[in-house]
Structures are given as structure tokens and as C-alpha cells.
Amino acid sequence: IQRLADQISNVFVPTVVGIAILAFLI
């Protein structure tokens, strides 16, 4: 059984990092 949290993290981690970097640059 693939962990639901693991599945979500594949999208969640890069999305959060991208938002944080974008906010920093702005």
C-alpha cells in the first residue's frame, strides 16, 4: 500500500519550495 502522505509529498515538497523561493525573490 502506497502511503497517501508519500504520494502527496511528491507534489507538495517541490510546490512549497517553489512558493518559498518565489516569495523570497519578489
PDB file of all heavy atoms in Angstrom:
ATOM      1  N   ILE A   1       0.852  -1.193   0.000  1.00  0.00           N
ATOM      2  CA  ILE A   1       0.000   0.000   0.000  1.00  0.00           C
ATOM      3  C   ILE A   1       0.885   1.240   0.000  1.00  0.00           C
ATOM      4  O   ILE A   1       1.701   1.429   0.885  1.00  0.00           O
ATOM      5  CB  ILE A   1      -0.915   0.008   1.234  1.00  0.00           C
ATOM      6  CG1 ILE A   1      -1.808  -1.217   1.214  1.00  0.00           C
ATOM      7  CG2 ILE A   1      -1.747   1.269   1.278  1.00  0.00           C
ATOM      8  CD1 ILE A   1      -2.628  -1.372   2.463  1.00  0.00           C
ATOM      9  N   GLN A   2       0.721   2.055  -1.018  1.00  0.00           N
ATOM     10  CA  GLN A   2       1.487   3.305  -1.092  1.00  0.00           C
ATOM     11  C   GLN A   2       0.910   4.307  -0.116  1.00  0.00           C
ATOM     12  O   GLN A   2      -0.271   4.600  -0.149  1.00  0.00           O
ATOM     13  CB  GLN A   2       1.407   3.879  -2.519  1.00  0.00           C
ATOM     14  CG  GLN A   2       2.155   5.186  -2.703  1.00  0.00           C
ATOM     15  CD  GLN A   2       3.658   5.004  -2.625  1.00  0.00           C
ATOM     16  OE1 GLN A   2       4.180   4.061  -3.163  1.00  0.00           O
ATOM     17  NE2 GLN A   2       4.330   5.917  -1.955  1.00  0.00           N
ATOM     18  N   ARG A   3       1.738   4.819   0.758  1.00  0.00           N
ATOM     19  CA  ARG A   3       1.287   5.778   1.756  1.00  0.00           C
ATOM     20  C   ARG A   3       0.722   7.023   1.074  1.00  0.00           C
ATOM     21  O   ARG A   3       1.338   7.601   0.167  1.00  0.00           O
ATOM     22  CB  ARG A   3       2.440   6.202   2.657  1.00  0.00           C
ATOM     23  CG  ARG A   3       2.972   5.094   3.537  1.00  0.00           C
ATOM     24  CD  ARG A   3       2.008   4.807   4.646  1.00  0.00           C
ATOM     25  NE  ARG A   3       2.584   3.888   5.615  1.00  0.00           N
ATOM     26  CZ  ARG A   3       1.885   3.282   6.518  1.00  0.00           C
ATOM     27  NH1 ARG A   3       0.593   3.474   6.592  1.00  0.00           N
ATOM     28  NH2 ARG A   3       2.450   2.470   7.375  1.00  0.00           N
ATOM     29  N   LEU A   4      -0.459   7.431   1.544  1.00  0.00           N
ATOM     30  CA  LEU A   4      -1.093   8.618   0.985  1.00  0.00           C
ATOM     31  C   LEU A   4      -0.205   9.846   1.171  1.00  0.00           C
ATOM     32  O   LEU A   4      -0.046  10.660   0.261  1.00  0.00           O
ATOM     33  CB  LEU A   4      -2.451   8.840   1.654  1.00  0.00           C
ATOM     34  CG  LEU A   4      -3.268  10.049   1.171  1.00  0.00           C
ATOM     35  CD1 LEU A   4      -3.531   9.935  -0.323  1.00  0.00           C
ATOM     36  CD2 LEU A   4      -4.579  10.145   1.943  1.00  0.00           C
ATOM     37  N   ALA A   5       0.421   9.948   2.337  1.00  0.00           N
ATOM     38  CA  ALA A   5       1.290  11.104   2.593  1.00  0.00           C
ATOM     39  C   ALA A   5       2.489  11.107   1.661  1.00  0.00           C
ATOM     40  O   ALA A   5       2.933  12.171   1.219  1.00  0.00           O
ATOM     41  CB  ALA A   5       1.752  11.100   4.045  1.00  0.00           C
ATOM     42  N   ASP A   6       3.040   9.928   1.358  1.00  0.00           N
ATOM     43  CA  ASP A   6       4.169   9.854   0.433  1.00  0.00           C
ATOM     44  C   ASP A   6       3.760  10.299  -0.965  1.00  0.00           C
ATOM     45  O   ASP A   6       4.514  10.977  -1.666  1.00  0.00           O
ATOM     46  CB  ASP A   6       4.718   8.432   0.379  1.00  0.00           C
ATOM     47  CG  ASP A   6       5.707   8.157   1.501  1.00  0.00           C
ATOM     48  OD1 ASP A   6       6.140   9.127   2.154  1.00  0.00           O
ATOM     49  OD2 ASP A   6       6.035   6.990   1.730  1.00  0.00           O
ATOM     50  N   GLN A   7       2.566   9.898  -1.377  1.00  0.00           N
ATOM     51  CA  GLN A   7       2.084  10.289  -2.694  1.00  0.00           C
ATOM     52  C   GLN A   7       1.914  11.803  -2.786  1.00  0.00           C
ATOM     53  O   GLN A   7       2.300  12.433  -3.769  1.00  0.00           O
ATOM     54  CB  GLN A   7       0.753   9.584  -2.998  1.00  0.00           C
ATOM     55  CG  GLN A   7       0.886   8.066  -3.156  1.00  0.00           C
ATOM     56  CD  GLN A   7      -0.466   7.386  -3.302  1.00  0.00           C
ATOM     57  OE1 GLN A   7      -1.492   7.909  -2.870  1.00  0.00           O
ATOM     58  NE2 GLN A   7      -0.475   6.214  -3.913  1.00  0.00           N
ATOM     59  N   ILE A   8       1.333  12.366  -1.732  1.00  0.00           N
ATOM     60  CA  ILE A   8       1.097  13.807  -1.724  1.00  0.00           C
ATOM     61  C   ILE A   8       2.417  14.564  -1.700  1.00  0.00           C
ATOM     62  O   ILE A   8       2.563  15.605  -2.348  1.00  0.00           O
ATOM     63  CB  ILE A   8       0.230  14.200  -0.512  1.00  0.00           C
ATOM     64  CG1 ILE A   8      -1.171  13.589  -0.662  1.00  0.00           C
ATOM     65  CG2 ILE A   8       0.130  15.710  -0.362  1.00  0.00           C
ATOM     66  CD1 ILE A   8      -2.038  13.729   0.577  1.00  0.00           C
ATOM     67  N   SER A   9       3.397  14.017  -0.970  1.00  0.00           N
ATOM     68  CA  SER A   9       4.664  14.740  -0.807  1.00  0.00           C
ATOM     69  C   SER A   9       5.403  14.922  -2.118  1.00  0.00           C
ATOM     70  O   SER A   9       6.189  15.861  -2.262  1.00  0.00           O
ATOM     71  CB  SER A   9       5.560  13.996   0.188  1.00  0.00           C
ATOM     72  OG  SER A   9       5.992  12.763  -0.344  1.00  0.00           O
ATOM     73  N   ASN A  10       5.186  14.029  -3.091  1.00  0.00           N
ATOM     74  CA  ASN A  10       5.841  14.179  -4.384  1.00  0.00           C
ATOM     75  C   ASN A  10       5.477  15.501  -5.053  1.00  0.00           C
ATOM     76  O   ASN A  10       6.267  16.072  -5.802  1.00  0.00           O
ATOM     77  CB  ASN A  10       5.467  13.014  -5.310  1.00  0.00           C
ATOM     78  CG  ASN A  10       6.147  11.725  -4.915  1.00  0.00           C
ATOM     79  OD1 ASN A  10       7.271  11.739  -4.424  1.00  0.00           O
ATOM     80  ND2 ASN A  10       5.470  10.611  -5.112  1.00  0.00           N
ATOM     81  N   VAL A  11       4.269  15.984  -4.786  1.00  0.00           N
ATOM     82  CA  VAL A  11       3.835  17.269  -5.349  1.00  0.00           C
ATOM     83  C   VAL A  11       4.017  18.376  -4.319  1.00  0.00           C
ATOM     84  O   VAL A  11       4.411  19.501  -4.660  1.00  0.00           O
ATOM     85  CB  VAL A  11       2.350  17.190  -5.777  1.00  0.00           C
ATOM     86  CG1 VAL A  11       1.870  18.542  -6.284  1.00  0.00           C
ATOM     87  CG2 VAL A  11       2.170  16.113  -6.835  1.00  0.00           C
ATOM     88  N   PHE A  12       3.767  18.043  -3.069  1.00  0.00           N
ATOM     89  CA  PHE A  12       3.768  19.045  -2.010  1.00  0.00           C
ATOM     90  C   PHE A  12       5.140  19.698  -1.820  1.00  0.00           C
ATOM     91  O   PHE A  12       5.268  20.919  -1.738  1.00  0.00           O
ATOM     92  CB  PHE A  12       3.311  18.384  -0.706  1.00  0.00           C
ATOM     93  CG  PHE A  12       3.332  19.287   0.486  1.00  0.00           C
ATOM     94  CD1 PHE A  12       2.418  20.315   0.610  1.00  0.00           C
ATOM     95  CD2 PHE A  12       4.269  19.112   1.500  1.00  0.00           C
ATOM     96  CE1 PHE A  12       2.425  21.149   1.718  1.00  0.00           C
ATOM     97  CE2 PHE A  12       4.276  19.931   2.608  1.00  0.00           C
ATOM     98  CZ  PHE A  12       3.353  20.958   2.715  1.00  0.00           C
ATOM     99  N   VAL A  13       6.193  18.874  -1.743  1.00  0.00           N
ATOM    100  CA  VAL A  13       7.529  19.408  -1.458  1.00  0.00           C
ATOM    101  C   VAL A  13       7.999  20.394  -2.518  1.00  0.00           C
ATOM    102  O   VAL A  13       8.357  21.528  -2.198  1.00  0.00           O
ATOM    103  CB  VAL A  13       8.547  18.264  -1.266  1.00  0.00           C
ATOM    104  CG1 VAL A  13       9.958  18.823  -1.139  1.00  0.00           C
ATOM    105  CG2 VAL A  13       8.188  17.439  -0.052  1.00  0.00           C
ATOM    106  N   PRO A  14       8.043  20.013  -3.796  1.00  0.00           N
ATOM    107  CA  PRO A  14       8.509  20.999  -4.789  1.00  0.00           C
ATOM    108  C   PRO A  14       7.609  22.221  -4.891  1.00  0.00           C
ATOM    109  O   PRO A  14       8.090  23.326  -5.172  1.00  0.00           O
ATOM    110  CB  PRO A  14       8.519  20.205  -6.103  1.00  0.00           C
ATOM    111  CG  PRO A  14       7.666  19.013  -5.866  1.00  0.00           C
ATOM    112  CD  PRO A  14       7.767  18.702  -4.426  1.00  0.00           C
ATOM    113  N   THR A  15       6.314  22.027  -4.636  1.00  0.00           N
ATOM    114  CA  THR A  15       5.397  23.169  -4.697  1.00  0.00           C
ATOM    115  C   THR A  15       5.709  24.184  -3.605  1.00  0.00           C
ATOM    116  O   THR A  15       5.798  25.394  -3.857  1.00  0.00           O
ATOM    117  CB  THR A  15       3.939  22.688  -4.558  1.00  0.00           C
ATOM    118  OG1 THR A  15       3.638  21.792  -5.625  1.00  0.00           O
ATOM    119  CG2 THR A  15       2.978  23.871  -4.603  1.00  0.00           C
ATOM    120  N   VAL A  16       5.903  23.701  -2.384  1.00  0.00           N
ATOM    121  CA  VAL A  16       6.204  24.593  -1.259  1.00  0.00           C
ATOM    122  C   VAL A  16       7.540  25.296  -1.468  1.00  0.00           C
ATOM    123  O   VAL A  16       7.677  26.511  -1.248  1.00  0.00           O
ATOM    124  CB  VAL A  16       6.203  23.809   0.067  1.00  0.00           C
ATOM    125  CG1 VAL A  16       6.765  24.656   1.200  1.00  0.00           C
ATOM    126  CG2 VAL A  16       4.799  23.347   0.401  1.00  0.00           C
ATOM    127  N   VAL A  17       8.548  24.537  -1.901  1.00  0.00           N
ATOM    128  CA  VAL A  17       9.862  25.139  -2.144  1.00  0.00           C
ATOM    129  C   VAL A  17       9.761  26.208  -3.226  1.00  0.00           C
ATOM    130  O   VAL A  17      10.345  27.300  -3.108  1.00  0.00           O
ATOM    131  CB  VAL A  17      10.884  24.057  -2.534  1.00  0.00           C
ATOM    132  CG1 VAL A  17      12.202  24.705  -2.963  1.00  0.00           C
ATOM    133  CG2 VAL A  17      11.126  23.108  -1.376  1.00  0.00           C
ATOM    134  N   GLY A  18       8.996  25.892  -4.272  1.00  0.00           N
ATOM    135  CA  GLY A  18       8.822  26.870  -5.349  1.00  0.00           C
ATOM    136  C   GLY A  18       8.149  28.151  -4.866  1.00  0.00           C
ATOM    137  O   GLY A  18       8.567  29.267  -5.221  1.00  0.00           O
ATOM    138  N   ILE A  19       7.111  27.993  -4.041  1.00  0.00           N
ATOM    139  CA  ILE A  19       6.407  29.164  -3.498  1.00  0.00           C
ATOM    140  C   ILE A  19       7.343  29.983  -2.606  1.00  0.00           C
ATOM    141  O   ILE A  19       7.367  31.215  -2.659  1.00  0.00           O
ATOM    142  CB  ILE A  19       5.160  28.723  -2.720  1.00  0.00           C
ATOM    143  CG1 ILE A  19       4.122  28.122  -3.671  1.00  0.00           C
ATOM    144  CG2 ILE A  19       4.549  29.901  -1.953  1.00  0.00           C
ATOM    145  CD1 ILE A  19       2.924  27.501  -2.974  1.00  0.00           C
ATOM    146  N   ALA A  20       8.133  29.279  -1.754  1.00  0.00           N
ATOM    147  CA  ALA A  20       9.047  29.974  -0.851  1.00  0.00           C
ATOM    148  C   ALA A  20      10.102  30.757  -1.619  1.00  0.00           C
ATOM    149  O   ALA A  20      10.413  31.916  -1.290  1.00  0.00           O
ATOM    150  CB  ALA A  20       9.718  28.961   0.087  1.00  0.00           C
ATOM    151  N   ILE A  21      10.664  30.144  -2.655  1.00  0.00           N
ATOM    152  CA  ILE A  21      11.679  30.838  -3.468  1.00  0.00           C
ATOM    153  C   ILE A  21      11.064  32.025  -4.196  1.00  0.00           C
ATOM    154  O   ILE A  21      11.656  33.117  -4.256  1.00  0.00           O
ATOM    155  CB  ILE A  21      12.314  29.850  -4.468  1.00  0.00           C
ATOM    156  CG1 ILE A  21      13.135  28.798  -3.711  1.00  0.00           C
ATOM    157  CG2 ILE A  21      13.187  30.597  -5.477  1.00  0.00           C
ATOM    158  CD1 ILE A  21      13.682  27.700  -4.594  1.00  0.00           C
ATOM    159  N   LEU A  22       9.870  31.815  -4.751  1.00  0.00           N
ATOM    160  CA  LEU A  22       9.197  32.903  -5.464  1.00  0.00           C
ATOM    161  C   LEU A  22       8.898  34.067  -4.529  1.00  0.00           C
ATOM    162  O   LEU A  22       9.113  35.244  -4.884  1.00  0.00           O
ATOM    163  CB  LEU A  22       7.902  32.376  -6.090  1.00  0.00           C
ATOM    164  CG  LEU A  22       7.083  33.396  -6.905  1.00  0.00           C
ATOM    165  CD1 LEU A  22       7.899  33.886  -8.098  1.00  0.00           C
ATOM    166  CD2 LEU A  22       5.773  32.766  -7.372  1.00  0.00           C
ATOM    167  N   ALA A  23       8.419  33.747  -3.319  1.00  0.00           N
ATOM    168  CA  ALA A  23       8.139  34.803  -2.346  1.00  0.00           C
ATOM    169  C   ALA A  23       9.412  35.548  -1.969  1.00  0.00           C
ATOM    170  O   ALA A  23       9.423  36.788  -1.857  1.00  0.00           O
ATOM    171  CB  ALA A  23       7.492  34.196  -1.095  1.00  0.00           C
ATOM    172  N   PHE A  24      10.516  34.817  -1.779  1.00  0.00           N
ATOM    173  CA  PHE A  24      11.803  35.440  -1.448  1.00  0.00           C
ATOM    174  C   PHE A  24      12.239  36.406  -2.550  1.00  0.00           C
ATOM    175  O   PHE A  24      12.652  37.548  -2.282  1.00  0.00           O
ATOM    176  CB  PHE A  24      12.858  34.361  -1.240  1.00  0.00           C
ATOM    177  CG  PHE A  24      14.258  34.888  -1.110  1.00  0.00           C
ATOM    178  CD1 PHE A  24      14.725  35.412   0.087  1.00  0.00           C
ATOM    179  CD2 PHE A  24      15.108  34.893  -2.214  1.00  0.00           C
ATOM    180  CE1 PHE A  24      16.006  35.914   0.200  1.00  0.00           C
ATOM    181  CE2 PHE A  24      16.392  35.398  -2.110  1.00  0.00           C
ATOM    182  CZ  PHE A  24      16.850  35.904  -0.905  1.00  0.00           C
ATOM    183  N   LEU A  25      12.151  35.973  -3.804  1.00  0.00           N
ATOM    184  CA  LEU A  25      12.596  36.806  -4.921  1.00  0.00           C
ATOM    185  C   LEU A  25      11.733  38.054  -5.064  1.00  0.00           C
ATOM    186  O   LEU A  25      12.251  39.163  -5.317  1.00  0.00           O
ATOM    187  CB  LEU A  25      12.573  35.990  -6.218  1.00  0.00           C
ATOM    188  CG  LEU A  25      13.601  34.843  -6.309  1.00  0.00           C
ATOM    189  CD1 LEU A  25      13.390  34.033  -7.576  1.00  0.00           C
ATOM    190  CD2 LEU A  25      15.025  35.396  -6.257  1.00  0.00           C
ATOM    191  N   ILE A  26      10.433  37.887  -4.913  1.00  0.00           N
ATOM    192  CA  ILE A  26       9.533  39.043  -5.054  1.00  0.00           C
ATOM    193  C   ILE A  26       9.834  40.077  -3.969  1.00  0.00           C
ATOM    194  O   ILE A  26       9.919  41.285  -4.251  1.00  0.00           O
ATOM    195  CB  ILE A  26       8.065  38.584  -4.995  1.00  0.00           C
ATOM    196  CG1 ILE A  26       7.713  37.767  -6.252  1.00  0.00           C
ATOM    197  CG2 ILE A  26       7.131  39.781  -4.842  1.00  0.00           C
ATOM    198  CD1 ILE A  26       6.330  37.165  -6.224  1.00  0.00           C
TER     199      ILE A  26
END
